[in-house]
Full PDB file with SEQRES, HELIX, SHEET, SSBOND, CRYST1, ORIGX, SCALE, CONECT and MASTER records, all heavy atoms in Angstrom:
SEQRES   1 A   38  ARG ASP ILE LEU GLN HIS GLU LYS ALA ARG ARG LEU PRO          
SEQRES   2 A   38  SER GLU THR MET GLY ALA VAL PRO ILE GLY THR PRO LEU          
SEQRES   3 A   38  VAL VAL GLY PRO ALA VAL LEU THR THR ILE ILE ILE              
HELIX    1 AA1 LYS A    8  ARG A   10  5                                   3    
HELIX    2 AA2 GLY A   18  VAL A   27  3                                  10    
HELIX    3 AA3 PRO A   30  ILE A   37  1                                   8    
CRYST1    1.000    1.000    1.000  90.00  90.00  90.00 P 1           1          
ORIGX1      1.000000  0.000000  0.000000        0.00000                         
ORIGX2      0.000000  1.000000  0.000000        0.00000                         
ORIGX3      0.000000  0.000000  1.000000        0.00000                         
SCALE1      1.000000  0.000000  0.000000        0.00000                         
SCALE2      0.000000  1.000000  0.000000        0.00000                         
SCALE3      0.000000  0.000000  1.000000        0.00000                         
ATOM      1  N   ARG A   1      -4.191  21.196  82.817  1.00  0.00           N  
ATOM      2  CA  ARG A   1      -3.566  19.975  82.339  1.00  0.00           C  
ATOM      3  C   ARG A   1      -4.601  18.929  81.980  1.00  0.00           C  
ATOM      4  O   ARG A   1      -4.574  18.385  80.862  1.00  0.00           O  
ATOM      5  CB  ARG A   1      -2.645  19.441  83.414  1.00  0.00           C  
ATOM      6  CG  ARG A   1      -1.836  18.229  82.760  1.00  0.00           C  
ATOM      7  CD  ARG A   1      -0.720  17.611  83.797  1.00  0.00           C  
ATOM      8  NE  ARG A   1      -1.336  17.106  84.998  1.00  0.00           N  
ATOM      9  CZ  ARG A   1      -0.512  16.583  86.020  1.00  0.00           C  
ATOM     10  NH1 ARG A   1       0.723  16.430  85.691  1.00  0.00           N  
ATOM     11  NH2 ARG A   1      -1.075  16.020  86.970  1.00  0.00           N  
ATOM     12  N   ASP A   2      -5.711  18.848  82.722  1.00  0.00           N  
ATOM     13  CA  ASP A   2      -6.653  17.732  82.399  1.00  0.00           C  
ATOM     14  C   ASP A   2      -7.556  18.277  81.209  1.00  0.00           C  
ATOM     15  O   ASP A   2      -7.895  17.445  80.377  1.00  0.00           O  
ATOM     16  CB  ASP A   2      -7.622  17.657  83.594  1.00  0.00           C  
ATOM     17  CG  ASP A   2      -8.510  16.488  83.433  1.00  0.00           C  
ATOM     18  OD1 ASP A   2      -8.074  15.415  83.204  1.00  0.00           O  
ATOM     19  OD2 ASP A   2      -9.800  16.588  83.572  1.00  0.00           O  
ATOM     20  N   ILE A   3      -7.677  19.584  81.063  1.00  0.00           N  
ATOM     21  CA  ILE A   3      -8.564  20.015  79.967  1.00  0.00           C  
ATOM     22  C   ILE A   3      -7.831  19.779  78.632  1.00  0.00           C  
ATOM     23  O   ILE A   3      -8.351  19.437  77.696  1.00  0.00           O  
ATOM     24  CB  ILE A   3      -8.890  21.517  80.151  1.00  0.00           C  
ATOM     25  CG1 ILE A   3      -9.927  21.733  81.236  1.00  0.00           C  
ATOM     26  CG2 ILE A   3      -9.500  22.128  78.798  1.00  0.00           C  
ATOM     27  CD1 ILE A   3     -10.136  23.125  81.692  1.00  0.00           C  
ATOM     28  N   LEU A   4      -6.522  20.087  78.656  1.00  0.00           N  
ATOM     29  CA  LEU A   4      -5.784  20.078  77.433  1.00  0.00           C  
ATOM     30  C   LEU A   4      -5.089  18.737  77.010  1.00  0.00           C  
ATOM     31  O   LEU A   4      -4.559  18.631  75.892  1.00  0.00           O  
ATOM     32  CB  LEU A   4      -4.471  21.192  77.661  1.00  0.00           C  
ATOM     33  CG  LEU A   4      -5.099  22.546  77.762  1.00  0.00           C  
ATOM     34  CD1 LEU A   4      -3.875  23.584  78.023  1.00  0.00           C  
ATOM     35  CD2 LEU A   4      -5.790  23.167  76.599  1.00  0.00           C  
ATOM     36  N   GLN A   5      -5.139  17.804  78.009  1.00  0.00           N  
ATOM     37  CA  GLN A   5      -4.573  16.485  77.636  1.00  0.00           C  
ATOM     38  C   GLN A   5      -5.335  15.750  76.573  1.00  0.00           C  
ATOM     39  O   GLN A   5      -6.509  15.925  76.467  1.00  0.00           O  
ATOM     40  CB  GLN A   5      -4.480  15.636  78.925  1.00  0.00           C  
ATOM     41  CG  GLN A   5      -5.796  15.147  79.441  1.00  0.00           C  
ATOM     42  CD  GLN A   5      -5.524  14.288  80.606  1.00  0.00           C  
ATOM     43  OE1 GLN A   5      -4.464  14.206  81.165  1.00  0.00           O  
ATOM     44  NE2 GLN A   5      -6.547  13.577  81.067  1.00  0.00           N  
ATOM     45  N   HIS A   6      -4.624  14.911  75.784  1.00  0.00           N  
ATOM     46  CA  HIS A   6      -5.309  14.159  74.840  1.00  0.00           C  
ATOM     47  C   HIS A   6      -4.963  12.535  74.999  1.00  0.00           C  
ATOM     48  O   HIS A   6      -5.611  11.762  74.194  1.00  0.00           O  
ATOM     49  CB  HIS A   6      -4.697  14.493  73.433  1.00  0.00           C  
ATOM     50  CG  HIS A   6      -5.132  16.028  73.052  1.00  0.00           C  
ATOM     51  ND1 HIS A   6      -6.399  16.417  72.831  1.00  0.00           N  
ATOM     52  CD2 HIS A   6      -4.225  17.077  73.080  1.00  0.00           C  
ATOM     53  CE1 HIS A   6      -6.460  17.769  72.655  1.00  0.00           C  
ATOM     54  NE2 HIS A   6      -5.183  18.119  72.699  1.00  0.00           N  
ATOM     55  N   GLU A   7      -4.040  12.294  75.826  1.00  0.00           N  
ATOM     56  CA  GLU A   7      -3.670  10.897  75.958  1.00  0.00           C  
ATOM     57  C   GLU A   7      -3.866  10.446  77.331  1.00  0.00           C  
ATOM     58  O   GLU A   7      -3.669  11.296  78.303  1.00  0.00           O  
ATOM     59  CB  GLU A   7      -2.224  10.629  75.587  1.00  0.00           C  
ATOM     60  CG  GLU A   7      -1.913  10.988  74.063  1.00  0.00           C  
ATOM     61  CD  GLU A   7      -0.501  10.940  73.865  1.00  0.00           C  
ATOM     62  OE1 GLU A   7       0.247  10.406  74.699  1.00  0.00           O  
ATOM     63  OE2 GLU A   7      -0.116  11.209  72.685  1.00  0.00           O  
ATOM     64  N   LYS A   8      -4.379   9.225  77.583  1.00  0.00           N  
ATOM     65  CA  LYS A   8      -4.543   8.695  78.927  1.00  0.00           C  
ATOM     66  C   LYS A   8      -3.195   8.689  79.723  1.00  0.00           C  
ATOM     67  O   LYS A   8      -3.200   8.789  81.014  1.00  0.00           O  
ATOM     68  CB  LYS A   8      -5.047   7.203  78.855  1.00  0.00           C  
ATOM     69  CG  LYS A   8      -6.518   7.311  78.777  1.00  0.00           C  
ATOM     70  CD  LYS A   8      -7.163   5.881  79.129  1.00  0.00           C  
ATOM     71  CE  LYS A   8      -8.684   5.948  79.182  1.00  0.00           C  
ATOM     72  NZ  LYS A   8      -9.198   4.734  79.595  1.00  0.00           N  
ATOM     73  N   ALA A   9      -2.137   8.489  79.033  1.00  0.00           N  
ATOM     74  CA  ALA A   9      -0.751   8.480  79.756  1.00  0.00           C  
ATOM     75  C   ALA A   9      -0.478   9.673  80.452  1.00  0.00           C  
ATOM     76  O   ALA A   9       0.417   9.684  81.465  1.00  0.00           O  
ATOM     77  CB  ALA A   9       0.392   8.145  78.651  1.00  0.00           C  
ATOM     78  N   ARG A  10      -1.111  10.769  80.150  1.00  0.00           N  
ATOM     79  CA  ARG A  10      -0.786  12.088  80.782  1.00  0.00           C  
ATOM     80  C   ARG A  10      -1.643  12.247  81.968  1.00  0.00           C  
ATOM     81  O   ARG A  10      -1.668  13.397  82.519  1.00  0.00           O  
ATOM     82  CB  ARG A  10      -0.831  13.231  79.758  1.00  0.00           C  
ATOM     83  CG  ARG A  10       0.151  13.066  78.572  1.00  0.00           C  
ATOM     84  CD  ARG A  10      -0.083  14.205  77.591  1.00  0.00           C  
ATOM     85  NE  ARG A  10       0.142  15.543  78.269  1.00  0.00           N  
ATOM     86  CZ  ARG A  10      -0.073  16.555  77.668  1.00  0.00           C  
ATOM     87  NH1 ARG A  10      -0.587  16.594  76.493  1.00  0.00           N  
ATOM     88  NH2 ARG A  10       0.066  17.784  78.163  1.00  0.00           N  
ATOM     89  N   ARG A  11      -2.557  11.342  82.366  1.00  0.00           N  
ATOM     90  CA  ARG A  11      -3.366  11.531  83.519  1.00  0.00           C  
ATOM     91  C   ARG A  11      -2.538  11.636  84.757  1.00  0.00           C  
ATOM     92  O   ARG A  11      -1.457  11.319  84.867  1.00  0.00           O  
ATOM     93  CB  ARG A  11      -4.362  10.313  83.626  1.00  0.00           C  
ATOM     94  CG  ARG A  11      -5.526  10.267  82.538  1.00  0.00           C  
ATOM     95  CD  ARG A  11      -6.413   9.271  82.816  1.00  0.00           C  
ATOM     96  NE  ARG A  11      -7.506   9.376  81.694  1.00  0.00           N  
ATOM     97  CZ  ARG A  11      -8.522  10.027  81.778  1.00  0.00           C  
ATOM     98  NH1 ARG A  11      -8.652  10.948  82.676  1.00  0.00           N  
ATOM     99  NH2 ARG A  11      -9.433   9.967  80.799  1.00  0.00           N  
ATOM    100  N   LEU A  12      -3.216  12.158  85.795  1.00  0.00           N  
ATOM    101  CA  LEU A  12      -2.520  12.288  87.091  1.00  0.00           C  
ATOM    102  C   LEU A  12      -2.125  10.793  87.524  1.00  0.00           C  
ATOM    103  O   LEU A  12      -2.965   9.830  87.403  1.00  0.00           O  
ATOM    104  CB  LEU A  12      -3.450  12.876  88.013  1.00  0.00           C  
ATOM    105  CG  LEU A  12      -3.640  14.361  87.911  1.00  0.00           C  
ATOM    106  CD1 LEU A  12      -4.951  14.866  88.796  1.00  0.00           C  
ATOM    107  CD2 LEU A  12      -2.533  15.237  88.080  1.00  0.00           C  
ATOM    108  N   PRO A  13      -1.146  10.521  88.160  1.00  0.00           N  
ATOM    109  CA  PRO A  13      -0.729   9.220  88.659  1.00  0.00           C  
ATOM    110  C   PRO A  13      -1.735   8.796  89.741  1.00  0.00           C  
ATOM    111  O   PRO A  13      -1.920   9.530  90.714  1.00  0.00           O  
ATOM    112  CB  PRO A  13       0.746   9.486  89.271  1.00  0.00           C  
ATOM    113  CG  PRO A  13       0.873  10.895  89.459  1.00  0.00           C  
ATOM    114  CD  PRO A  13      -0.027  11.623  88.482  1.00  0.00           C  
ATOM    115  N   SER A  14      -2.210   7.574  89.606  1.00  0.00           N  
ATOM    116  CA  SER A  14      -3.178   7.029  90.606  1.00  0.00           C  
ATOM    117  C   SER A  14      -2.512   6.698  91.840  1.00  0.00           C  
ATOM    118  O   SER A  14      -3.344   6.793  92.966  1.00  0.00           O  
ATOM    119  CB  SER A  14      -3.731   5.714  90.028  1.00  0.00           C  
ATOM    120  OG  SER A  14      -2.842   4.768  89.791  1.00  0.00           O  
ATOM    121  N   GLU A  15      -1.267   6.681  92.008  1.00  0.00           N  
ATOM    122  CA  GLU A  15      -0.594   6.276  93.316  1.00  0.00           C  
ATOM    123  C   GLU A  15      -0.703   7.561  94.228  1.00  0.00           C  
ATOM    124  O   GLU A  15      -0.731   7.426  95.518  1.00  0.00           O  
ATOM    125  CB  GLU A  15       0.897   5.914  93.129  1.00  0.00           C  
ATOM    126  CG  GLU A  15       1.049   4.610  92.401  1.00  0.00           C  
ATOM    127  CD  GLU A  15       1.035   4.778  90.865  1.00  0.00           C  
ATOM    128  OE1 GLU A  15       0.914   5.987  90.434  1.00  0.00           O  
ATOM    129  OE2 GLU A  15       1.020   3.841  90.251  1.00  0.00           O  
ATOM    130  N   THR A  16      -0.732   8.758  93.659  1.00  0.00           N  
ATOM    131  CA  THR A  16      -0.679   9.914  94.529  1.00  0.00           C  
ATOM    132  C   THR A  16      -1.948  10.805  94.357  1.00  0.00           C  
ATOM    133  O   THR A  16      -2.108  11.857  95.123  1.00  0.00           O  
ATOM    134  CB  THR A  16       0.545  10.779  94.214  1.00  0.00           C  
ATOM    135  OG1 THR A  16       0.539  11.198  92.857  1.00  0.00           O  
ATOM    136  CG2 THR A  16       1.789  10.043  94.579  1.00  0.00           C  
ATOM    137  N   MET A  17      -2.731  10.386  93.444  1.00  0.00           N  
ATOM    138  CA  MET A  17      -4.097  11.259  93.194  1.00  0.00           C  
ATOM    139  C   MET A  17      -4.927  11.509  94.332  1.00  0.00           C  
ATOM    140  O   MET A  17      -5.435  12.552  94.572  1.00  0.00           O  
ATOM    141  CB  MET A  17      -4.764  10.538  92.033  1.00  0.00           C  
ATOM    142  CG  MET A  17      -5.996  11.413  91.550  1.00  0.00           C  
ATOM    143  SD  MET A  17      -7.039  10.357  90.439  1.00  0.00           S  
ATOM    144  CE  MET A  17      -5.967   9.791  89.315  1.00  0.00           C  
ATOM    145  N   GLY A  18      -5.058  10.481  95.204  1.00  0.00           N  
ATOM    146  CA  GLY A  18      -5.875  10.550  96.344  1.00  0.00           C  
ATOM    147  C   GLY A  18      -5.355  11.641  97.315  1.00  0.00           C  
ATOM    148  O   GLY A  18      -6.194  12.383  97.876  1.00  0.00           O  
ATOM    149  N   ALA A  19      -4.055  11.822  97.400  1.00  0.00           N  
ATOM    150  CA  ALA A  19      -3.364  12.860  98.265  1.00  0.00           C  
ATOM    151  C   ALA A  19      -3.483  14.200  97.648  1.00  0.00           C  
ATOM    152  O   ALA A  19      -4.012  15.103  98.250  1.00  0.00           O  
ATOM    153  CB  ALA A  19      -2.046  12.455  98.619  1.00  0.00           C  
ATOM    154  N   VAL A  20      -2.976  14.341  96.331  1.00  0.00           N  
ATOM    155  CA  VAL A  20      -3.022  15.588  95.632  1.00  0.00           C  
ATOM    156  C   VAL A  20      -3.507  15.215  94.153  1.00  0.00           C  
ATOM    157  O   VAL A  20      -2.922  14.353  93.669  1.00  0.00           O  
ATOM    158  CB  VAL A  20      -1.708  16.209  95.558  1.00  0.00           C  
ATOM    159  CG1 VAL A  20      -1.709  17.472  94.842  1.00  0.00           C  
ATOM    160  CG2 VAL A  20      -1.118  16.461  96.992  1.00  0.00           C  
ATOM    161  N   PRO A  21      -4.525  15.839  93.756  1.00  0.00           N  
ATOM    162  CA  PRO A  21      -5.191  16.870  94.258  1.00  0.00           C  
ATOM    163  C   PRO A  21      -6.529  16.751  95.004  1.00  0.00           C  
ATOM    164  O   PRO A  21      -7.212  17.651  95.447  1.00  0.00           O  
ATOM    165  CB  PRO A  21      -5.456  17.738  92.995  1.00  0.00           C  
ATOM    166  CG  PRO A  21      -5.923  16.602  92.054  1.00  0.00           C  
ATOM    167  CD  PRO A  21      -4.906  15.550  92.303  1.00  0.00           C  
ATOM    168  N   ILE A  22      -6.889  15.398  95.184  1.00  0.00           N  
ATOM    169  CA  ILE A  22      -8.269  15.200  95.767  1.00  0.00           C  
ATOM    170  C   ILE A  22      -8.233  15.446  97.335  1.00  0.00           C  
ATOM    171  O   ILE A  22      -9.097  16.212  97.867  1.00  0.00           O  
ATOM    172  CB  ILE A  22      -8.660  13.691  95.444  1.00  0.00           C  
ATOM    173  CG1 ILE A  22      -8.756  13.501  93.915  1.00  0.00           C  
ATOM    174  CG2 ILE A  22     -10.038  13.453  96.086  1.00  0.00           C  
ATOM    175  CD1 ILE A  22      -9.047  12.058  93.495  1.00  0.00           C  
ATOM    176  N   GLY A  23      -7.377  14.789  97.943  1.00  0.00           N  
ATOM    177  CA  GLY A  23      -7.308  14.935  99.449  1.00  0.00           C  
ATOM    178  C   GLY A  23      -7.151  16.430  99.824  1.00  0.00           C  
ATOM    179  O   GLY A  23      -7.797  17.028 100.683  1.00  0.00           O  
ATOM    180  N   THR A  24      -6.166  17.177  99.089  1.00  0.00           N  
ATOM    181  CA  THR A  24      -5.920  18.452  99.318  1.00  0.00           C  
ATOM    182  C   THR A  24      -5.364  19.014  97.817  1.00  0.00           C  
ATOM    183  O   THR A  24      -4.530  18.238  97.173  1.00  0.00           O  
ATOM    184  CB  THR A  24      -4.905  18.769 100.295  1.00  0.00           C  
ATOM    185  OG1 THR A  24      -4.765  20.241 100.421  1.00  0.00           O  
ATOM    186  CG2 THR A  24      -3.462  18.131 100.111  1.00  0.00           C  
ATOM    187  N   PRO A  25      -5.891  20.003  97.290  1.00  0.00           N  
ATOM    188  CA  PRO A  25      -6.685  21.029  97.811  1.00  0.00           C  
ATOM    189  C   PRO A  25      -8.201  20.823  97.634  1.00  0.00           C  
ATOM    190  O   PRO A  25      -8.911  21.825  98.034  1.00  0.00           O  
ATOM    191  CB  PRO A  25      -6.257  22.305  97.273  1.00  0.00           C  
ATOM    192  CG  PRO A  25      -5.836  21.946  95.989  1.00  0.00           C  
ATOM    193  CD  PRO A  25      -5.358  20.473  95.994  1.00  0.00           C  
ATOM    194  N   LEU A  26      -8.667  19.680  97.141  1.00  0.00           N  
ATOM    195  CA  LEU A  26     -10.168  19.742  96.838  1.00  0.00           C  
ATOM    196  C   LEU A  26     -10.939  19.407  98.027  1.00  0.00           C  
ATOM    197  O   LEU A  26     -11.885  20.297  98.225  1.00  0.00           O  
ATOM    198  CB  LEU A  26     -10.436  18.560  95.783  1.00  0.00           C  
ATOM    199  CG  LEU A  26     -10.212  18.898  94.286  1.00  0.00           C  
ATOM    200  CD1 LEU A  26     -10.486  17.712  93.370  1.00  0.00           C  
ATOM    201  CD2 LEU A  26     -11.030  20.096  93.869  1.00  0.00           C  
ATOM    202  N   VAL A  27     -10.643  18.321  98.730  1.00  0.00           N  
ATOM    203  CA  VAL A  27     -11.487  18.139  99.924  1.00  0.00           C  
ATOM    204  C   VAL A  27     -11.125  19.062 101.121  1.00  0.00           C  
ATOM    205  O   VAL A  27     -12.016  19.732 101.638  1.00  0.00           O  
ATOM    206  CB  VAL A  27     -11.242  16.666 100.475  1.00  0.00           C  
ATOM    207  CG1 VAL A  27     -12.075  16.399 101.739  1.00  0.00           C  
ATOM    208  CG2 VAL A  27     -11.738  15.615  99.452  1.00  0.00           C  
ATOM    209  N   VAL A  28      -9.863  19.279 101.342  1.00  0.00           N  
ATOM    210  CA  VAL A  28      -9.491  20.216 102.409  1.00  0.00           C  
ATOM    211  C   VAL A  28      -8.526  21.186 101.708  1.00  0.00           C  
ATOM    212  O   VAL A  28      -7.372  20.901 101.575  1.00  0.00           O  
ATOM    213  CB  VAL A  28      -8.635  19.420 103.571  1.00  0.00           C  
ATOM    214  CG1 VAL A  28      -8.237  20.467 104.489  1.00  0.00           C  
ATOM    215  CG2 VAL A  28      -9.790  18.534 104.331  1.00  0.00           C  
ATOM    216  N   GLY A  29      -9.057  22.314 101.410  1.00  0.00           N  
ATOM    217  CA  GLY A  29      -8.262  23.362 100.791  1.00  0.00           C  
ATOM    218  C   GLY A  29      -8.254  24.503 101.673  1.00  0.00           C  
ATOM    219  O   GLY A  29      -8.768  24.530 102.831  1.00  0.00           O  
ATOM    220  N   PRO A  30      -7.977  25.752 101.145  1.00  0.00           N  
ATOM    221  CA  PRO A  30      -7.852  26.909 101.947  1.00  0.00           C  
ATOM    222  C   PRO A  30      -9.221  27.306 102.580  1.00  0.00           C  
ATOM    223  O   PRO A  30      -9.148  27.778 103.806  1.00  0.00           O  
ATOM    224  CB  PRO A  30      -7.464  28.046 100.885  1.00  0.00           C  
ATOM    225  CG  PRO A  30      -6.716  27.270  99.849  1.00  0.00           C  
ATOM    226  CD  PRO A  30      -7.492  25.942  99.724  1.00  0.00           C  
ATOM    227  N   ALA A  31     -10.312  27.059 101.995  1.00  0.00           N  
ATOM    228  CA  ALA A  31     -11.612  27.539 102.513  1.00  0.00           C  
ATOM    229  C   ALA A  31     -11.919  26.644 103.782  1.00  0.00           C  
ATOM    230  O   ALA A  31     -12.206  27.162 104.847  1.00  0.00           O  
ATOM    231  CB  ALA A  31     -12.705  27.289 101.539  1.00  0.00           C  
ATOM    232  N   VAL A  32     -11.659  25.342 103.763  1.00  0.00           N  
ATOM    233  CA  VAL A  32     -11.868  24.408 104.924  1.00  0.00           C  
ATOM    234  C   VAL A  32     -10.865  24.762 105.987  1.00  0.00           C  
ATOM    235  O   VAL A  32     -11.287  24.829 107.105  1.00  0.00           O  
ATOM    236  CB  VAL A  32     -11.741  22.958 104.455  1.00  0.00           C  
ATOM    237  CG1 VAL A  32     -11.866  22.067 105.802  1.00  0.00           C  
ATOM    238  CG2 VAL A  32     -12.788  22.609 103.548  1.00  0.00           C  
ATOM    239  N   LEU A  33      -9.661  24.911 105.669  1.00  0.00           N  
ATOM    240  CA  LEU A  33      -8.623  25.093 106.662  1.00  0.00           C  
ATOM    241  C   LEU A  33      -8.894  26.565 107.469  1.00  0.00           C  
ATOM    242  O   LEU A  33      -8.767  26.670 108.551  1.00  0.00           O  
ATOM    243  CB  LEU A  33      -7.156  25.215 106.064  1.00  0.00           C  
ATOM    244  CG  LEU A  33      -6.830  23.904 105.488  1.00  0.00           C  
ATOM    245  CD1 LEU A  33      -5.453  24.078 104.702  1.00  0.00           C  
ATOM    246  CD2 LEU A  33      -6.673  22.819 106.475  1.00  0.00           C  
ATOM    247  N   THR A  34      -9.216  27.506 106.747  1.00  0.00           N  
ATOM    248  CA  THR A  34      -9.497  28.747 107.140  1.00  0.00           C  
ATOM    249  C   THR A  34     -10.809  28.690 108.175  1.00  0.00           C  
ATOM    250  O   THR A  34     -10.812  29.297 109.307  1.00  0.00           O  
ATOM    251  CB  THR A  34      -9.806  29.883 106.090  1.00  0.00           C  
ATOM    252  OG1 THR A  34      -8.781  29.977 105.263  1.00  0.00           O  
ATOM    253  CG2 THR A  34     -10.009  31.219 106.786  1.00  0.00           C  
ATOM    254  N   THR A  35     -11.745  27.958 107.734  1.00  0.00           N  
ATOM    255  CA  THR A  35     -13.025  27.788 108.488  1.00  0.00           C  
ATOM    256  C   THR A  35     -12.788  27.120 109.715  1.00  0.00           C  
ATOM    257  O   THR A  35     -13.164  27.547 110.837  1.00  0.00           O  
ATOM    258  CB  THR A  35     -14.036  27.039 107.573  1.00  0.00           C  
ATOM    259  OG1 THR A  35     -14.265  27.660 106.446  1.00  0.00           O  
ATOM    260  CG2 THR A  35     -15.402  26.787 108.420  1.00  0.00           C  
ATOM    261  N   ILE A  36     -12.033  25.977 109.786  1.00  0.00           N  
ATOM    262  CA  ILE A  36     -11.799  25.236 110.912  1.00  0.00           C  
ATOM    263  C   ILE A  36     -10.963  26.036 111.904  1.00  0.00           C  
ATOM    264  O   ILE A  36     -11.103  25.954 113.187  1.00  0.00           O  
ATOM    265  CB  ILE A  36     -11.168  23.861 110.687  1.00  0.00           C  
ATOM    266  CG1 ILE A  36      -9.784  23.904 110.074  1.00  0.00           C  
ATOM    267  CG2 ILE A  36     -12.126  23.045 110.010  1.00  0.00           C  
ATOM    268  CD1 ILE A  36      -9.182  22.602 109.837  1.00  0.00           C  
ATOM    269  N   ILE A  37     -10.048  26.865 111.515  1.00  0.00           N  
ATOM    270  CA  ILE A  37      -9.208  27.668 112.392  1.00  0.00           C  
ATOM    271  C   ILE A  37     -10.003  28.657 113.118  1.00  0.00           C  
ATOM    272  O   ILE A  37      -9.985  28.880 114.323  1.00  0.00           O  
ATOM    273  CB  ILE A  37      -8.006  28.379 111.680  1.00  0.00           C  
ATOM    274  CG1 ILE A  37      -7.069  27.359 111.270  1.00  0.00           C  
ATOM    275  CG2 ILE A  37      -7.456  29.433 112.534  1.00  0.00           C  
ATOM    276  CD1 ILE A  37      -5.944  27.829 110.480  1.00  0.00           C  
ATOM    277  N   ILE A  38     -11.030  29.276 112.278  1.00  0.00           N  
ATOM    278  CA  ILE A  38     -11.969  30.213 112.929  1.00  0.00           C  
ATOM    279  C   ILE A  38     -12.904  29.656 113.886  1.00  0.00           C  
ATOM    280  O   ILE A  38     -13.159  30.110 115.035  1.00  0.00           O  
ATOM    281  CB  ILE A  38     -12.759  30.971 111.822  1.00  0.00           C  
ATOM    282  CG1 ILE A  38     -11.748  31.784 110.994  1.00  0.00           C  
ATOM    283  CG2 ILE A  38     -13.840  31.823 112.200  1.00  0.00           C  
ATOM    284  CD1 ILE A  38     -12.485  32.328 109.723  1.00  0.00           C  
TER     285      ILE A  38                                                      
MASTER        0    0    0    3    0    0    0    6  284    1    0    3          
END                                                                             
């Protein structure tokens, strides 16, 4: 979506961007969750 977008209006909403996708799955994704369980 980010690669193909042409207008700023189509950006991710700033109100939730910190939670998804930055907080998860970027910062804490499957790799981190699997690692901490192990």
